[in-house]
Amino acid sequence: MSDELVTSSVFDIPGKAQVFQALVSGMHLSIHSGELFHYLSNHADAYQTELATLGYELVHEFDYYYLQPFDDDRSNDYSKRCLVFITIMIESIANSAQDIVETLFSERGFECDQLPHFTTERYRNYMQNMQGKDMGEDRQLRTLLNNMHRSGFIEYREADNFMRFLTPSHRFLQLSQEILEQHTKQTVASEAKS
């Protein structure tokens, strides 16, 4: 009979299968992710080591985690759709003279049928250009909200006509604000030429 030495390895991580499945599917894990978030935050170094061997960088921002493939240029169609969605929200909030971050991340959230994404021709064009004109506005919005919910960016309850942004949406906040600032500068410059 042989004595086997049992050792704990960095690769024996609690919740590994569930956390990997969520992260690889594109989910952003935050406190709202419950047990998955706790597995990850309590063993972040071990997860980071194992994920690096698989070609992923585990990114931790604010109070959430997500995967970034080492060879990704951070630009894909889904990220662009999320960016457009959030940018429209930020511009609409700014136009109503409310505090952007406080309003965006408010616990009370938003009524989905009151979102600004199809209220102006400009917003409607942005939404149609990113999704395709063959999909109806309502279906297009529901599809995007479901995808953003699955990724951990928002809490979305279709039956309650409710959505609210979760902290992983901060990933797009700064970039959205830079886009709007650039748009404002271009608008002012073109008006000055007129």
C-alpha atoms as a PDB file:
ATOM      1  CA  MET A   1       0.000   0.000   0.000  1.00  0.00           C
ATOM      2  CA  SER A   2       1.433   3.341  -0.961  1.00  0.00           C
ATOM      3  CA  ASP A   3       1.049   6.539   0.995  1.00  0.00           C
ATOM      4  CA  GLU A   4      -0.158   9.384  -1.138  1.00  0.00           C
ATOM      5  CA  LEU A   5       0.614  12.929  -0.182  1.00  0.00           C
ATOM      6  CA  VAL A   6      -2.469  15.116  -0.497  1.00  0.00           C
ATOM      7  CA  THR A   7      -1.648  18.740  -1.094  1.00  0.00           C
ATOM      8  CA  SER A   8      -3.759  21.750  -1.774  1.00  0.00           C
ATOM      9  CA  SER A   9      -3.016  23.282  -5.128  1.00  0.00           C
ATOM     10  CA  VAL A  10      -3.685  26.714  -6.540  1.00  0.00           C
ATOM     11  CA  PHE A  11      -5.827  24.812  -9.033  1.00  0.00           C
ATOM     12  CA  ASP A  12      -8.145  23.446  -6.300  1.00  0.00           C
ATOM     13  CA  ILE A  13     -10.193  26.592  -5.997  1.00  0.00           C
ATOM     14  CA  PRO A  14     -13.630  26.671  -4.332  1.00  0.00           C
ATOM     15  CA  GLY A  15     -16.420  27.251  -6.834  1.00  0.00           C
ATOM     16  CA  LYS A  16     -14.010  26.969  -9.761  1.00  0.00           C
ATOM     17  CA  ALA A  17     -16.355  25.383 -12.304  1.00  0.00           C
ATOM     18  CA  GLN A  18     -19.217  27.798 -11.659  1.00  0.00           C
ATOM     19  CA  VAL A  19     -16.998  30.898 -11.560  1.00  0.00           C
ATOM     20  CA  PHE A  20     -15.128  29.919 -14.736  1.00  0.00           C
ATOM     21  CA  GLN A  21     -18.367  29.205 -16.573  1.00  0.00           C
ATOM     22  CA  ALA A  22     -19.772  32.608 -15.595  1.00  0.00           C
ATOM     23  CA  LEU A  23     -16.599  34.544 -16.453  1.00  0.00           C
ATOM     24  CA  VAL A  24     -15.911  32.783 -19.753  1.00  0.00           C
ATOM     25  CA  SER A  25     -19.509  33.389 -20.832  1.00  0.00           C
ATOM     26  CA  GLY A  26     -18.827  37.130 -20.435  1.00  0.00           C
ATOM     27  CA  MET A  27     -20.468  37.724 -17.084  1.00  0.00           C
ATOM     28  CA  HIS A  28     -19.119  40.447 -14.815  1.00  0.00           C
ATOM     29  CA  LEU A  29     -19.162  39.207 -11.228  1.00  0.00           C
ATOM     30  CA  SER A  30     -20.087  41.740  -8.568  1.00  0.00           C
ATOM     31  CA  ILE A  31     -21.589  41.604  -5.099  1.00  0.00           C
ATOM     32  CA  HIS A  32     -24.921  41.110  -6.889  1.00  0.00           C
ATOM     33  CA  SER A  33     -23.616  37.766  -8.191  1.00  0.00           C
ATOM     34  CA  GLY A  34     -23.824  36.270  -4.701  1.00  0.00           C
ATOM     35  CA  GLU A  35     -21.834  33.114  -4.024  1.00  0.00           C
ATOM     36  CA  LEU A  36     -19.851  33.353  -7.286  1.00  0.00           C
ATOM     37  CA  PHE A  37     -18.517  36.767  -6.291  1.00  0.00           C
ATOM     38  CA  HIS A  38     -17.546  35.516  -2.838  1.00  0.00           C
ATOM     39  CA  TYR A  39     -15.685  32.499  -4.253  1.00  0.00           C
ATOM     40  CA  LEU A  40     -13.800  34.798  -6.585  1.00  0.00           C
ATOM     41  CA  SER A  41     -13.045  37.648  -4.177  1.00  0.00           C
ATOM     42  CA  ASN A  42     -11.894  35.266  -1.428  1.00  0.00           C
ATOM     43  CA  HIS A  43      -9.497  33.453  -3.792  1.00  0.00           C
ATOM     44  CA  ALA A  44      -8.667  36.161  -6.333  1.00  0.00           C
ATOM     45  CA  ASP A  45      -4.944  35.365  -6.506  1.00  0.00           C
ATOM     46  CA  ALA A  46      -5.566  31.672  -7.165  1.00  0.00           C
ATOM     47  CA  TYR A  47      -8.130  32.476  -9.863  1.00  0.00           C
ATOM     48  CA  GLN A  48      -5.786  35.032 -11.427  1.00  0.00           C
ATOM     49  CA  THR A  49      -2.974  32.457 -11.626  1.00  0.00           C
ATOM     50  CA  GLU A  50      -5.114  29.757 -13.194  1.00  0.00           C
ATOM     51  CA  LEU A  51      -6.843  32.091 -15.621  1.00  0.00           C
ATOM     52  CA  ALA A  52      -3.470  33.414 -16.794  1.00  0.00           C
ATOM     53  CA  THR A  53      -2.467  29.848 -17.746  1.00  0.00           C
ATOM     54  CA  LEU A  54      -5.597  29.747 -19.928  1.00  0.00           C
ATOM     55  CA  GLY A  55      -4.805  33.031 -21.681  1.00  0.00           C
ATOM     56  CA  TYR A  56      -7.075  35.329 -19.684  1.00  0.00           C
ATOM     57  CA  GLU A  57      -6.443  38.316 -17.502  1.00  0.00           C
ATOM     58  CA  LEU A  58      -8.747  38.599 -14.506  1.00  0.00           C
ATOM     59  CA  VAL A  59      -9.592  42.290 -14.217  1.00  0.00           C
ATOM     60  CA  HIS A  60     -10.774  43.761 -10.910  1.00  0.00           C
ATOM     61  CA  GLU A  61     -12.320  47.241 -11.026  1.00  0.00           C
ATOM     62  CA  PHE A  62     -14.341  48.930  -8.286  1.00  0.00           C
ATOM     63  CA  ASP A  63     -16.207  45.965  -6.780  1.00  0.00           C
ATOM     64  CA  TYR A  64     -16.486  43.638  -9.777  1.00  0.00           C
ATOM     65  CA  TYR A  65     -14.411  41.200 -11.826  1.00  0.00           C
ATOM     66  CA  TYR A  66     -14.386  40.221 -15.487  1.00  0.00           C
ATOM     67  CA  LEU A  67     -12.155  38.383 -17.954  1.00  0.00           C
ATOM     68  CA  GLN A  68     -10.070  40.040 -20.599  1.00  0.00           C
ATOM     69  CA  PRO A  69      -8.374  37.751 -23.116  1.00  0.00           C
ATOM     70  CA  PHE A  70      -4.721  38.770 -23.451  1.00  0.00           C
ATOM     71  CA  ASP A  71      -5.060  39.277 -27.203  1.00  0.00           C
ATOM     72  CA  ASP A  72      -8.357  41.220 -27.106  1.00  0.00           C
ATOM     73  CA  ASP A  73      -8.384  44.811 -28.342  1.00  0.00           C
ATOM     74  CA  ARG A  74     -11.327  45.570 -25.983  1.00  0.00           C
ATOM     75  CA  SER A  75     -13.527  46.269 -28.934  1.00  0.00           C
ATOM     76  CA  ASN A  76     -16.265  43.904 -30.016  1.00  0.00           C
ATOM     77  CA  ASP A  77     -19.818  44.384 -31.196  1.00  0.00           C
ATOM     78  CA  TYR A  78     -21.409  43.604 -27.854  1.00  0.00           C
ATOM     79  CA  SER A  79     -19.158  46.051 -25.998  1.00  0.00           C
ATOM     80  CA  LYS A  80     -20.005  48.697 -28.581  1.00  0.00           C
ATOM     81  CA  ARG A  81     -23.740  48.112 -28.078  1.00  0.00           C
ATOM     82  CA  CYS A  82     -23.328  48.430 -24.304  1.00  0.00           C
ATOM     83  CA  LEU A  83     -21.294  51.593 -24.785  1.00  0.00           C
ATOM     84  CA  VAL A  84     -23.943  53.163 -27.046  1.00  0.00           C
ATOM     85  CA  PHE A  85     -26.712  52.193 -24.606  1.00  0.00           C
ATOM     86  CA  ILE A  86     -24.907  53.698 -21.614  1.00  0.00           C
ATOM     87  CA  THR A  87     -23.802  56.798 -23.548  1.00  0.00           C
ATOM     88  CA  ILE A  88     -27.409  57.558 -24.487  1.00  0.00           C
ATOM     89  CA  MET A  89     -28.425  57.154 -20.837  1.00  0.00           C
ATOM     90  CA  ILE A  90     -25.655  59.489 -19.677  1.00  0.00           C
ATOM     91  CA  GLU A  91     -26.494  62.154 -22.244  1.00  0.00           C
ATOM     92  CA  SER A  92     -30.182  61.994 -21.356  1.00  0.00           C
ATOM     93  CA  ILE A  93     -29.418  62.301 -17.635  1.00  0.00           C
ATOM     94  CA  ALA A  94     -27.025  65.204 -18.268  1.00  0.00           C
ATOM     95  CA  ASN A  95     -29.659  66.975 -20.392  1.00  0.00           C
ATOM     96  CA  SER A  96     -32.112  66.743 -17.491  1.00  0.00           C
ATOM     97  CA  ALA A  97     -29.555  68.484 -15.211  1.00  0.00           C
ATOM     98  CA  GLN A  98     -29.336  65.528 -12.816  1.00  0.00           C
ATOM     99  CA  ASP A  99     -26.168  64.097 -11.283  1.00  0.00           C
ATOM    100  CA  ILE A 100     -25.030  61.454 -13.776  1.00  0.00           C
ATOM    101  CA  VAL A 101     -23.436  58.882 -11.464  1.00  0.00           C
ATOM    102  CA  GLU A 102     -26.020  59.235  -8.708  1.00  0.00           C
ATOM    103  CA  THR A 103     -28.924  58.908 -11.149  1.00  0.00           C
ATOM    104  CA  LEU A 104     -27.349  56.137 -13.230  1.00  0.00           C
ATOM    105  CA  PHE A 105     -26.597  53.927 -10.227  1.00  0.00           C
ATOM    106  CA  SER A 106     -29.680  54.777  -8.175  1.00  0.00           C
ATOM    107  CA  GLU A 107     -31.333  51.855  -6.404  1.00  0.00           C
ATOM    108  CA  ARG A 108     -34.716  52.961  -7.746  1.00  0.00           C
ATOM    109  CA  GLY A 109     -33.568  52.218 -11.302  1.00  0.00           C
ATOM    110  CA  PHE A 110     -35.551  53.017 -14.425  1.00  0.00           C
ATOM    111  CA  GLU A 111     -38.830  52.004 -16.014  1.00  0.00           C
ATOM    112  CA  CYS A 112     -37.877  50.288 -19.258  1.00  0.00           C
ATOM    113  CA  ASP A 113     -40.695  51.839 -21.274  1.00  0.00           C
ATOM    114  CA  GLN A 114     -39.424  55.285 -20.217  1.00  0.00           C
ATOM    115  CA  LEU A 115     -35.819  54.796 -21.378  1.00  0.00           C
ATOM    116  CA  PRO A 116     -34.645  57.503 -23.802  1.00  0.00           C
ATOM    117  CA  HIS A 117     -33.138  55.208 -26.456  1.00  0.00           C
ATOM    118  CA  PHE A 118     -35.893  55.669 -29.041  1.00  0.00           C
ATOM    119  CA  THR A 119     -37.174  59.111 -28.005  1.00  0.00           C
ATOM    120  CA  THR A 120     -35.193  61.166 -30.539  1.00  0.00           C
ATOM    121  CA  GLU A 121     -34.293  60.539 -34.140  1.00  0.00           C
ATOM    122  CA  ARG A 122     -30.593  60.685 -33.281  1.00  0.00           C
ATOM    123  CA  TYR A 123     -30.876  58.067 -30.508  1.00  0.00           C
ATOM    124  CA  ARG A 124     -33.097  55.910 -32.731  1.00  0.00           C
ATOM    125  CA  ASN A 125     -30.445  56.011 -35.479  1.00  0.00           C
ATOM    126  CA  TYR A 126     -27.697  55.018 -33.049  1.00  0.00           C
ATOM    127  CA  MET A 127     -29.738  52.085 -31.789  1.00  0.00           C
ATOM    128  CA  GLN A 128     -30.730  50.914 -35.280  1.00  0.00           C
ATOM    129  CA  ASN A 129     -27.189  51.198 -36.611  1.00  0.00           C
ATOM    130  CA  MET A 130     -25.800  49.008 -33.883  1.00  0.00           C
ATOM    131  CA  GLN A 131     -28.485  46.326 -34.078  1.00  0.00           C
ATOM    132  CA  GLY A 132     -29.834  46.337 -37.586  1.00  0.00           C
ATOM    133  CA  LYS A 133     -33.034  47.809 -38.959  1.00  0.00           C
ATOM    134  CA  ASP A 134     -34.801  44.463 -39.346  1.00  0.00           C
ATOM    135  CA  MET A 135     -35.415  44.117 -35.588  1.00  0.00           C
ATOM    136  CA  GLY A 136     -38.249  46.092 -33.990  1.00  0.00           C
ATOM    137  CA  GLU A 137     -37.372  48.707 -31.388  1.00  0.00           C
ATOM    138  CA  ASP A 138     -39.052  46.920 -28.489  1.00  0.00           C
ATOM    139  CA  ARG A 139     -37.464  43.562 -29.298  1.00  0.00           C
ATOM    140  CA  GLN A 140     -34.101  45.222 -29.893  1.00  0.00           C
ATOM    141  CA  LEU A 141     -34.160  46.917 -26.502  1.00  0.00           C
ATOM    142  CA  ARG A 142     -35.337  43.781 -24.654  1.00  0.00           C
ATOM    143  CA  THR A 143     -32.602  41.710 -26.316  1.00  0.00           C
ATOM    144  CA  LEU A 144     -29.903  44.177 -25.316  1.00  0.00           C
ATOM    145  CA  LEU A 145     -31.257  44.459 -21.755  1.00  0.00           C
ATOM    146  CA  ASN A 146     -31.326  40.659 -21.408  1.00  0.00           C
ATOM    147  CA  ASN A 147     -27.730  40.424 -22.663  1.00  0.00           C
ATOM    148  CA  MET A 148     -26.573  43.194 -20.324  1.00  0.00           C
ATOM    149  CA  HIS A 149     -28.348  41.437 -17.445  1.00  0.00           C
ATOM    150  CA  ARG A 150     -26.634  38.135 -18.281  1.00  0.00           C
ATOM    151  CA  SER A 151     -23.271  39.936 -18.356  1.00  0.00           C
ATOM    152  CA  GLY A 152     -23.861  41.491 -14.934  1.00  0.00           C
ATOM    153  CA  PHE A 153     -24.066  45.136 -16.104  1.00  0.00           C
ATOM    154  CA  ILE A 154     -27.687  45.650 -15.100  1.00  0.00           C
ATOM    155  CA  GLU A 155     -30.455  44.173 -13.042  1.00  0.00           C
ATOM    156  CA  TYR A 156     -33.364  43.629 -15.415  1.00  0.00           C
ATOM    157  CA  ARG A 157     -36.855  42.417 -14.607  1.00  0.00           C
ATOM    158  CA  GLU A 158     -38.888  42.445 -17.795  1.00  0.00           C
ATOM    159  CA  ALA A 159     -42.131  41.507 -16.044  1.00  0.00           C
ATOM    160  CA  ASP A 160     -41.736  44.508 -13.721  1.00  0.00           C
ATOM    161  CA  ASN A 161     -40.680  46.906 -16.520  1.00  0.00           C
ATOM    162  CA  PHE A 162     -37.577  47.604 -14.398  1.00  0.00           C
ATOM    163  CA  MET A 163     -33.844  47.929 -14.927  1.00  0.00           C
ATOM    164  CA  ARG A 164     -31.013  49.433 -12.939  1.00  0.00           C
ATOM    165  CA  PHE A 165     -27.321  49.710 -13.542  1.00  0.00           C
ATOM    166  CA  LEU A 166     -24.898  47.651 -11.462  1.00  0.00           C
ATOM    167  CA  THR A 167     -21.319  48.620 -10.673  1.00  0.00           C
ATOM    168  CA  PRO A 168     -19.761  46.692 -13.603  1.00  0.00           C
ATOM    169  CA  SER A 169     -21.316  49.386 -15.827  1.00  0.00           C
ATOM    170  CA  HIS A 170     -18.539  51.663 -14.569  1.00  0.00           C
ATOM    171  CA  ARG A 171     -16.443  49.868 -17.174  1.00  0.00           C
ATOM    172  CA  PHE A 172     -18.159  52.053 -19.810  1.00  0.00           C
ATOM    173  CA  LEU A 173     -18.818  55.203 -17.786  1.00  0.00           C
ATOM    174  CA  GLN A 174     -15.553  57.085 -18.401  1.00  0.00           C
ATOM    175  CA  LEU A 175     -15.469  56.217 -22.089  1.00  0.00           C
ATOM    176  CA  SER A 176     -19.099  57.329 -22.501  1.00  0.00           C
ATOM    177  CA  GLN A 177     -18.355  60.646 -20.850  1.00  0.00           C
ATOM    178  CA  GLU A 178     -15.329  61.162 -23.131  1.00  0.00           C
ATOM    179  CA  ILE A 179     -17.467  60.426 -26.199  1.00  0.00           C
ATOM    180  CA  LEU A 180     -20.091  62.959 -25.096  1.00  0.00           C
ATOM    181  CA  GLU A 181     -17.422  65.565 -24.361  1.00  0.00           C
ATOM    182  CA  GLN A 182     -15.963  65.086 -27.848  1.00  0.00           C
ATOM    183  CA  HIS A 183     -19.446  65.295 -29.396  1.00  0.00           C
ATOM    184  CA  THR A 184     -20.103  68.568 -27.551  1.00  0.00           C
ATOM    185  CA  LYS A 185     -16.797  70.037 -28.755  1.00  0.00           C
ATOM    186  CA  GLN A 186     -17.597  69.065 -32.357  1.00  0.00           C
ATOM    187  CA  THR A 187     -21.094  70.549 -32.115  1.00  0.00           C
ATOM    188  CA  VAL A 188     -19.765  73.830 -30.707  1.00  0.00           C
ATOM    189  CA  ALA A 189     -17.041  73.994 -33.387  1.00  0.00           C
ATOM    190  CA  SER A 190     -19.508  73.371 -36.233  1.00  0.00           C
ATOM    191  CA  GLU A 191     -21.935  75.986 -34.833  1.00  0.00           C
ATOM    192  CA  ALA A 192     -19.092  78.509 -34.577  1.00  0.00           C
ATOM    193  CA  LYS A 193     -18.314  77.987 -38.294  1.00  0.00           C
ATOM    194  CA  SER A 194     -21.940  78.666 -39.264  1.00  0.00           C
END
